Amino acid sequence: MNKSLLLEGLSDAIGFIGGALLGFWLGRALGLDVFEAGYSNASIGGILLVGLGGGLGLQLARRWRGKASSKKEN
């Protein structure tokens, strides 16, 4: 397996999961429960924060990987 592909997959997964967890915990701190029964405003807000956190974490991982690869080239 190509080592760069493994690093890409792992960094994407760690960034996404880490960001989603941060979004989940922020939502819980704000009283937004993702696992609330039904689709109340609180559950939709929690779902939104988890999605945004996961997306931001993924983007941060990709930027980190881009900076790391540009340092190797120099």
Protein backbone atom coordinates (compact mmCIF):
# COMPACT_ATOMS: atom_id res chain seq x y z
CA MET A 1 0.00 0.00 0.00
CA ASN A 2 1.23 3.46 -0.82
CA LYS A 3 2.35 5.20 2.38
CA SER A 4 1.06 8.60 1.24
CA LEU A 5 -2.43 7.19 0.64
CA LEU A 6 -2.43 5.67 4.12
CA LEU A 7 -1.39 9.00 5.63
CA GLU A 8 -4.08 10.78 3.62
CA GLY A 9 -6.81 8.40 4.76
CA LEU A 10 -5.76 8.42 8.40
CA SER A 11 -5.40 12.19 8.59
CA ASP A 12 -8.80 12.69 6.93
CA ALA A 13 -10.45 10.24 9.33
CA ILE A 14 -8.81 11.73 12.42
CA GLY A 15 -9.68 15.27 11.33
CA PHE A 16 -13.30 14.40 10.59
CA ILE A 17 -13.90 12.37 13.76
CA GLY A 18 -12.11 14.92 15.94
CA GLY A 19 -14.09 17.81 14.47
CA ALA A 20 -17.37 15.93 14.76
CA LEU A 21 -16.66 15.14 18.41
CA LEU A 22 -15.82 18.77 19.14
CA GLY A 23 -19.08 19.80 17.47
CA PHE A 24 -20.97 17.20 19.51
CA TRP A 25 -19.44 18.37 22.79
CA LEU A 26 -20.07 22.02 21.93
CA GLY A 27 -23.69 21.18 21.19
CA ARG A 28 -24.04 19.33 24.49
CA ALA A 29 -22.56 22.33 26.31
CA LEU A 30 -25.13 24.56 24.60
CA GLY A 31 -27.99 22.17 25.43
CA LEU A 32 -28.38 20.81 21.88
CA ASP A 33 -28.90 17.04 22.00
CA VAL A 34 -28.24 15.14 18.77
CA PHE A 35 -29.94 12.02 20.15
CA GLU A 36 -33.15 13.70 21.29
CA ALA A 37 -36.29 11.93 20.12
CA GLY A 38 -37.85 13.45 17.03
CA TYR A 39 -36.63 16.45 15.09
CA SER A 40 -36.83 19.31 17.54
CA ASN A 41 -34.85 22.52 17.15
CA ALA A 42 -32.34 21.24 19.72
CA SER A 43 -31.68 18.01 17.82
CA ILE A 44 -31.39 19.79 14.45
CA GLY A 45 -28.95 22.29 15.99
CA GLY A 46 -26.89 19.44 17.43
CA ILE A 47 -26.82 17.63 14.10
CA LEU A 48 -25.75 20.86 12.40
CA LEU A 49 -22.87 21.38 14.84
CA VAL A 50 -21.66 17.79 14.40
CA GLY A 51 -21.72 18.17 10.61
CA LEU A 52 -19.96 21.52 10.65
CA GLY A 53 -17.37 20.25 13.11
CA GLY A 54 -16.65 17.19 10.99
CA GLY A 55 -16.30 19.26 7.83
CA LEU A 56 -14.02 21.81 9.48
CA GLY A 57 -11.90 19.06 11.02
CA LEU A 58 -11.52 17.43 7.61
CA GLN A 59 -10.49 20.74 6.02
CA LEU A 60 -7.95 21.39 8.78
CA ALA A 61 -6.45 17.92 8.28
CA ARG A 62 -6.13 18.51 4.54
CA ARG A 63 -4.49 21.90 5.05
CA TRP A 64 -2.07 20.38 7.56
CA ARG A 65 -1.22 17.62 5.08
CA GLY A 66 -0.70 20.19 2.32
CA LYS A 67 1.66 22.22 4.48
CA ALA A 68 3.53 19.11 5.54
CA SER A 69 4.04 17.99 1.95
CA SER A 70 5.18 21.46 0.83
CA LYS A 71 7.82 21.49 3.59
CA LYS A 72 9.15 18.13 2.33
CA GLU A 73 9.57 19.56 -1.17
CA ASN A 74 11.68 22.51 0.04
